[in-house]
Amino acid sequence: MYKLILLAGLCAVIAQLDAAPRKLVCTYQKTSSSISANLFDIMESINPHLCTHLIYTSVKPSPVKVIPSPSDNIKFQDFNKLKSSNPNLKTLLEVDLTDLNTNNIFIQGNRALFIQSVIDILMHERFDGVNIVWEFKVGVSQPSDKQSFTLLMKELKVALSTLPLTVGPQLLTASVSAVKLQIDQSYEVPRLVKLVDFLNVITFDRDRTVVPPLVGPAPFPNAEFSMQYWFSEGAPKEKLNMGIASYGFDTNPSANPSIIAKYEECARPPPPTTISVDSDETIVAKAKYIVNAEFGGAFVKSLDLDDFNGNFCGQGKYPVIGLIKSII
């Protein structure tokens, strides 16, 4: 009996060692000062031990090459200095191809120019990889872009794998649609998942409803469907991160701005029914769903829209992301 118990214990330990640790991928928005009600500073406000991956979002090619602004260059340096406090932290540069004329990027010669411009930034600024954002857009994209996006990611993967050893391994990830029609139009899922280290599924707003406050967590069937659909199309669960928002919307047409940080709930009277922000109970339910469904982790938007300095809600710094971290 003792040997059986010991064997069972050893099997449990081995299973835990074999299981990949869940990821907590957090975004920093370069435009945070224009949408946040609270002054955010990279070096003072970001806790480098909070998230496993930080994404600098975002830069765009113009029209083919990615050329950072002087402001970006300064922020890149501060962003990557965070790794001096946490060597295990991974930083990613996000390149957003959404709404661009894909003829500029996806044709053969331009793909090479685009990829080299990304590589130059990664090497110079010491990022740990790149996160690509793209989905098919009616009126902008071409039917062949689905295949062309795969080819771009394949060539980018090859380029990243040939960098000098002194640069270190480079991650290739993507933030992808959570809408079935757009998934079908945009991605060759079985091929794409072989190229990326993980996918961030943009489920932030899939279940937003403007309702009076609920008792208990609000359901999120659309987000659940999105995650399961990616899995059914061939994406391994461990490569799928589910989006959880630290922001909401005020749908009143006169609201300016319409996007509100979750912490703004604490700084105003009881919210009107035009405001839709995930409750703490809903955030907990989403994090538990990630764990119970055995997905790879959470994808949080964003650091600056959480109560990052603890000045508003009396729950300490980063209450939303901290809550997610405690569960996953």
Protein backbone atom coordinates (compact mmCIF):
# COMPACT_ATOMS: atom_id res chain seq x y z
CA MET A 1 0.00 0.00 0.00
CA TYR A 2 2.83 2.39 0.94
CA LYS A 3 4.51 1.74 -2.42
CA LEU A 4 1.25 2.47 -4.27
CA ILE A 5 0.81 5.76 -2.41
CA LEU A 6 4.42 6.71 -3.09
CA LEU A 7 4.02 5.87 -6.78
CA ALA A 8 0.85 7.94 -7.01
CA GLY A 9 2.63 10.88 -5.39
CA LEU A 10 5.55 10.61 -7.80
CA CYS A 11 3.16 10.52 -10.77
CA ALA A 12 1.44 13.67 -9.53
CA VAL A 13 4.77 15.47 -9.19
CA ILE A 14 5.86 14.38 -12.68
CA ALA A 15 2.55 15.53 -14.12
CA GLN A 16 3.04 18.94 -12.55
CA LEU A 17 6.57 19.18 -13.92
CA ASP A 18 5.42 18.22 -17.41
CA ALA A 19 2.60 20.76 -17.44
CA ALA A 20 3.61 24.01 -19.10
CA PRO A 21 3.22 27.00 -16.77
CA ARG A 22 0.34 29.26 -17.69
CA LYS A 23 1.15 32.61 -19.20
CA LEU A 24 -0.03 36.00 -18.06
CA VAL A 25 0.45 38.22 -21.10
CA CYS A 26 -0.11 41.92 -20.43
CA THR A 27 -0.17 44.84 -22.84
CA TYR A 28 1.25 48.31 -22.41
CA GLN A 29 -0.44 50.85 -24.65
CA LYS A 30 1.80 53.54 -26.08
CA THR A 31 -1.31 55.74 -26.25
CA SER A 32 -2.13 55.26 -22.58
CA SER A 33 -1.81 58.95 -21.79
CA SER A 34 -4.66 59.77 -24.17
CA ILE A 35 -7.20 57.28 -22.79
CA SER A 36 -6.24 56.80 -19.16
CA ALA A 37 -7.43 59.04 -16.33
CA ASN A 38 -4.28 58.28 -14.36
CA LEU A 39 -0.70 59.27 -15.20
CA PHE A 40 1.23 56.16 -16.20
CA ASP A 41 5.03 55.84 -16.34
CA ILE A 42 6.72 52.71 -17.67
CA MET A 43 9.55 52.56 -15.16
CA GLU A 44 7.54 53.63 -12.10
CA SER A 45 4.18 52.04 -12.84
CA ILE A 46 5.00 48.61 -14.27
CA ASN A 47 5.69 45.82 -11.82
CA PRO A 48 8.15 43.62 -13.76
CA HIS A 49 7.24 40.58 -11.65
CA LEU A 50 3.50 40.73 -12.28
CA CYS A 51 3.19 39.30 -15.81
CA THR A 52 5.15 36.60 -17.60
CA HIS A 53 5.12 38.54 -20.90
CA LEU A 54 4.76 42.24 -21.65
CA ILE A 55 3.65 43.46 -25.08
CA TYR A 56 4.49 46.97 -26.25
CA THR A 57 1.48 47.91 -28.32
CA SER A 58 1.89 48.96 -30.98
CA VAL A 59 3.77 50.13 -34.07
CA LYS A 60 2.70 50.04 -37.72
CA PRO A 61 4.67 49.80 -40.97
CA SER A 62 4.61 52.93 -43.11
CA PRO A 63 4.03 51.79 -45.78
CA VAL A 64 6.25 48.68 -45.68
CA LYS A 65 8.98 49.20 -43.11
CA VAL A 66 8.45 49.67 -39.40
CA ILE A 67 10.14 52.95 -38.48
CA PRO A 68 9.72 53.82 -34.79
CA SER A 69 9.11 57.39 -33.74
CA PRO A 70 11.62 59.13 -31.42
CA SER A 71 9.06 58.70 -28.63
CA ASP A 72 8.88 54.97 -29.33
CA ASN A 73 12.67 54.66 -29.21
CA ILE A 74 12.78 56.21 -25.74
CA LYS A 75 9.93 54.01 -24.49
CA PHE A 76 11.54 50.87 -25.99
CA GLN A 77 14.60 51.44 -23.82
CA ASP A 78 12.58 51.94 -20.64
CA PHE A 79 10.36 48.98 -21.49
CA ASN A 80 13.26 46.58 -21.86
CA LYS A 81 15.09 47.90 -18.80
CA LEU A 82 12.36 46.18 -16.79
CA LYS A 83 14.14 42.88 -17.46
CA SER A 84 17.04 43.99 -15.30
CA SER A 85 14.71 43.53 -12.30
CA ASN A 86 13.18 40.29 -13.59
CA PRO A 87 15.42 38.31 -15.97
CA ASN A 88 12.55 35.84 -16.55
CA LEU A 89 10.30 38.53 -17.99
CA LYS A 90 9.76 38.38 -21.78
CA THR A 91 9.10 41.56 -23.76
CA LEU A 92 7.43 41.60 -27.16
CA LEU A 93 7.10 44.31 -29.77
CA GLU A 94 3.62 44.39 -31.28
CA VAL A 95 3.32 45.20 -34.97
CA ASP A 96 -0.23 45.98 -36.04
CA LEU A 97 -1.12 45.19 -39.67
CA THR A 98 -4.85 45.75 -39.17
CA ASP A 99 -6.56 48.03 -41.70
CA LEU A 100 -3.41 48.34 -43.82
CA ASN A 101 -3.29 47.78 -47.57
CA THR A 102 -1.90 44.27 -47.50
CA ASN A 103 -0.50 44.64 -51.02
CA ASN A 104 2.16 46.76 -49.35
CA ILE A 105 3.20 44.01 -46.94
CA PHE A 106 2.25 40.64 -48.36
CA ILE A 107 3.96 40.72 -51.79
CA GLN A 108 7.30 38.92 -51.89
CA GLY A 109 9.79 41.78 -52.08
CA ASN A 110 7.97 43.85 -49.51
CA ARG A 111 7.71 40.96 -47.07
CA ALA A 112 11.49 40.85 -46.92
CA LEU A 113 11.73 44.60 -46.31
CA PHE A 114 9.10 44.45 -43.59
CA ILE A 115 10.72 41.49 -41.84
CA GLN A 116 14.17 43.07 -41.88
CA SER A 117 12.81 46.30 -40.37
CA VAL A 118 11.25 44.28 -37.53
CA ILE A 119 14.45 42.29 -36.99
CA ASP A 120 16.48 45.51 -36.79
CA ILE A 121 14.29 46.81 -33.94
CA LEU A 122 14.31 43.53 -32.04
CA MET A 123 18.11 43.32 -32.16
CA HIS A 124 18.78 46.98 -31.40
CA GLU A 125 16.26 47.31 -28.56
CA ARG A 126 16.67 43.83 -27.08
CA PHE A 127 13.08 42.67 -27.27
CA ASP A 128 12.44 38.94 -26.82
CA GLY A 129 10.22 38.64 -29.89
CA VAL A 130 7.40 40.10 -31.93
CA ASN A 131 3.62 39.91 -31.69
CA ILE A 132 1.77 40.38 -35.00
CA VAL A 133 -1.82 41.63 -35.18
CA TRP A 134 -3.82 41.00 -38.33
CA GLU A 135 -7.25 39.90 -39.42
CA PHE A 136 -9.15 39.99 -42.71
CA LYS A 137 -10.99 43.27 -43.31
CA VAL A 138 -13.71 43.55 -45.94
CA GLY A 139 -12.85 46.25 -48.45
CA VAL A 140 -9.18 46.26 -47.46
CA SER A 141 -7.98 42.65 -47.58
CA GLN A 142 -7.74 40.30 -50.55
CA PRO A 143 -9.09 36.71 -50.60
CA SER A 144 -5.53 35.41 -50.96
CA ASP A 145 -4.38 37.24 -47.80
CA LYS A 146 -5.23 34.22 -45.68
CA GLN A 147 -2.46 32.24 -47.37
CA SER A 148 -0.19 35.29 -47.61
CA PHE A 149 -0.39 35.88 -43.85
CA THR A 150 0.79 32.32 -43.22
CA LEU A 151 3.67 32.85 -45.63
CA LEU A 152 4.65 36.11 -43.92
CA MET A 153 4.66 34.40 -40.53
CA LYS A 154 6.69 31.49 -41.91
CA GLU A 155 9.35 33.79 -43.33
CA LEU A 156 9.40 35.83 -40.14
CA LYS A 157 9.85 32.63 -38.12
CA VAL A 158 12.82 31.62 -40.28
CA ALA A 159 14.39 35.06 -39.95
CA LEU A 160 14.02 35.00 -36.16
CA SER A 161 15.59 31.54 -35.95
CA THR A 162 18.74 32.66 -37.78
CA LEU A 163 19.62 35.55 -35.47
CA PRO A 164 22.97 35.39 -33.60
CA LEU A 165 23.03 33.40 -30.38
CA THR A 166 23.99 36.56 -28.51
CA VAL A 167 20.51 37.95 -29.23
CA GLY A 168 18.83 34.98 -27.58
CA PRO A 169 15.76 32.98 -28.67
CA GLN A 170 13.07 35.14 -30.23
CA LEU A 171 9.36 34.51 -29.74
CA LEU A 172 6.84 34.78 -32.55
CA THR A 173 3.25 35.32 -31.39
CA ALA A 174 0.04 36.75 -32.81
CA SER A 175 -3.07 38.47 -31.50
CA VAL A 176 -5.98 37.02 -33.44
CA SER A 177 -9.69 37.47 -33.95
CA ALA A 178 -12.26 35.81 -31.70
CA VAL A 179 -15.06 36.03 -34.30
CA LYS A 180 -15.74 32.80 -36.23
CA LEU A 181 -16.24 34.45 -39.64
CA GLN A 182 -13.03 36.44 -39.30
CA ILE A 183 -11.12 33.39 -38.09
CA ASP A 184 -12.30 31.45 -41.13
CA GLN A 185 -11.39 34.30 -43.50
CA SER A 186 -8.08 35.21 -41.90
CA TYR A 187 -6.11 32.20 -40.72
CA GLU A 188 -4.89 28.81 -41.90
CA VAL A 189 -5.09 27.60 -38.32
CA PRO A 190 -3.27 24.24 -38.57
CA ARG A 191 -0.32 25.90 -40.34
CA LEU A 192 -0.29 29.06 -38.24
CA VAL A 193 -0.16 27.25 -34.90
CA LYS A 194 2.99 25.40 -35.97
CA LEU A 195 4.75 28.73 -36.52
CA VAL A 196 3.83 30.64 -33.38
CA ASP A 197 4.82 30.21 -29.76
CA PHE A 198 1.31 31.23 -28.71
CA LEU A 199 -1.82 33.05 -29.83
CA ASN A 200 -3.62 35.83 -27.97
CA VAL A 201 -7.34 35.53 -28.71
CA ILE A 202 -9.04 38.94 -28.68
CA THR A 203 -12.07 38.00 -26.59
CA PHE A 204 -12.12 41.22 -24.54
CA ASP A 205 -15.46 42.52 -25.86
CA ARG A 206 -17.18 39.35 -27.05
CA ASP A 207 -19.82 39.35 -24.32
CA ARG A 208 -20.32 42.99 -23.48
CA THR A 209 -23.86 43.90 -22.51
CA VAL A 210 -25.19 47.08 -20.96
CA VAL A 211 -27.24 45.89 -18.02
CA PRO A 212 -27.84 46.86 -14.41
CA PRO A 213 -25.28 45.34 -12.00
CA LEU A 214 -25.59 41.57 -11.69
CA VAL A 215 -25.27 39.42 -8.62
CA GLY A 216 -22.43 37.04 -9.28
CA PRO A 217 -20.42 36.63 -12.49
CA ALA A 218 -21.86 37.53 -15.85
CA PRO A 219 -21.87 34.69 -18.41
CA PHE A 220 -19.40 34.86 -21.31
CA PRO A 221 -20.61 32.25 -23.82
CA ASN A 222 -19.13 34.03 -26.84
CA ALA A 223 -15.63 34.09 -25.36
CA GLU A 224 -15.95 30.42 -24.44
CA PHE A 225 -17.10 29.60 -27.97
CA SER A 226 -14.16 31.52 -29.46
CA MET A 227 -11.61 29.61 -27.43
CA GLN A 228 -13.20 26.25 -28.17
CA TYR A 229 -13.49 27.10 -31.86
CA TRP A 230 -9.78 27.84 -32.14
CA PHE A 231 -9.13 24.52 -30.42
CA SER A 232 -11.50 22.66 -32.74
CA GLU A 233 -9.71 24.15 -35.75
CA GLY A 234 -6.41 22.66 -34.64
CA ALA A 235 -4.85 25.09 -32.16
CA PRO A 236 -3.35 23.33 -29.11
CA LYS A 237 -4.92 24.60 -25.90
CA GLU A 238 -1.54 25.39 -24.38
CA LYS A 239 -0.92 27.88 -27.20
CA LEU A 240 -4.18 29.78 -26.66
CA ASN A 241 -4.43 32.76 -24.30
CA MET A 242 -7.88 34.18 -23.59
CA GLY A 243 -8.38 37.93 -23.53
CA ILE A 244 -9.60 39.59 -20.31
CA ALA A 245 -10.18 43.35 -20.20
CA SER A 246 -9.26 45.81 -17.48
CA TYR A 247 -11.48 48.38 -19.19
CA GLY A 248 -15.06 48.88 -20.26
CA PHE A 249 -17.26 51.17 -22.31
CA ASP A 250 -19.74 53.93 -21.75
CA THR A 251 -22.18 53.50 -24.63
CA ASN A 252 -23.88 56.83 -24.07
CA PRO A 253 -23.42 58.67 -27.42
CA SER A 254 -22.31 61.79 -25.56
CA ALA A 255 -19.68 59.95 -23.48
CA ASN A 256 -16.16 61.26 -24.05
CA PRO A 257 -14.10 59.17 -23.88
CA SER A 258 -16.23 56.09 -24.44
CA ILE A 259 -13.49 53.73 -23.18
CA ILE A 260 -13.17 53.78 -19.41
CA ALA A 261 -10.61 52.15 -17.15
CA LYS A 262 -12.11 49.67 -14.71
CA TYR A 263 -10.67 51.68 -11.83
CA GLU A 264 -12.79 54.65 -12.88
CA GLU A 265 -15.75 52.78 -11.37
CA CYS A 266 -14.21 53.58 -8.00
CA ALA A 267 -13.90 57.29 -8.75
CA ARG A 268 -17.47 58.04 -9.79
CA PRO A 269 -21.00 57.58 -8.48
CA PRO A 270 -22.74 54.24 -9.09
CA PRO A 271 -22.37 53.70 -12.84
CA PRO A 272 -25.36 54.28 -15.12
CA THR A 273 -26.71 51.38 -17.16
CA THR A 274 -24.81 52.69 -20.20
CA ILE A 275 -21.53 51.48 -18.68
CA SER A 276 -20.31 47.93 -19.26
CA VAL A 277 -17.28 46.78 -17.24
CA ASP A 278 -16.51 43.24 -16.11
CA SER A 279 -17.13 42.80 -12.40
CA ASP A 280 -14.50 41.22 -10.18
CA GLU A 281 -16.71 38.12 -10.05
CA THR A 282 -16.75 37.91 -13.84
CA ILE A 283 -12.97 38.32 -14.03
CA VAL A 284 -12.54 35.53 -11.49
CA ALA A 285 -14.90 33.31 -13.49
CA LYS A 286 -12.94 33.93 -16.69
CA ALA A 287 -9.62 33.15 -15.01
CA LYS A 288 -11.05 29.94 -13.54
CA TYR A 289 -12.39 29.00 -16.96
CA ILE A 290 -8.88 29.30 -18.41
CA VAL A 291 -7.57 26.97 -15.72
CA ASN A 292 -10.42 24.44 -15.83
CA ALA A 293 -10.47 24.30 -19.63
CA GLU A 294 -6.67 23.93 -19.64
CA PHE A 295 -5.86 26.85 -21.92
CA GLY A 296 -2.41 28.38 -22.04
CA GLY A 297 -3.06 31.56 -20.11
CA ALA A 298 -4.64 35.00 -19.96
CA PHE A 299 -4.13 37.96 -22.29
CA VAL A 300 -4.86 41.21 -20.43
CA LYS A 301 -5.56 44.61 -21.94
CA SER A 302 -4.06 46.59 -20.40
CA LEU A 303 -1.63 47.57 -17.64
CA ASP A 304 -2.52 51.26 -17.72
CA LEU A 305 -6.26 50.61 -17.44
CA ASP A 306 -5.90 48.65 -14.22
CA ASP A 307 -5.57 50.56 -10.92
CA PHE A 308 -1.81 50.33 -11.34
CA ASN A 309 -0.85 52.63 -8.45
CA GLY A 310 -3.70 51.67 -6.13
CA ASN A 311 -4.92 55.26 -5.85
CA PHE A 312 -8.56 54.64 -6.73
CA CYS A 313 -10.06 51.40 -5.45
CA GLY A 314 -8.28 50.70 -2.18
CA GLN A 315 -7.44 47.18 -3.34
CA GLY A 316 -3.70 47.67 -3.78
CA LYS A 317 -1.81 47.99 -7.02
CA TYR A 318 -3.04 46.16 -10.12
CA PRO A 319 -6.16 44.60 -8.55
CA VAL A 320 -7.46 43.16 -11.85
CA ILE A 321 -4.20 41.61 -13.05
CA GLY A 322 -3.33 40.54 -9.51
CA LEU A 323 -6.68 38.77 -9.25
CA ILE A 324 -6.05 36.91 -12.52
CA LYS A 325 -2.50 36.04 -11.49
CA SER A 326 -3.69 34.55 -8.19
CA ILE A 327 -5.89 32.11 -10.11
CA ILE A 328 -3.95 31.08 -13.16
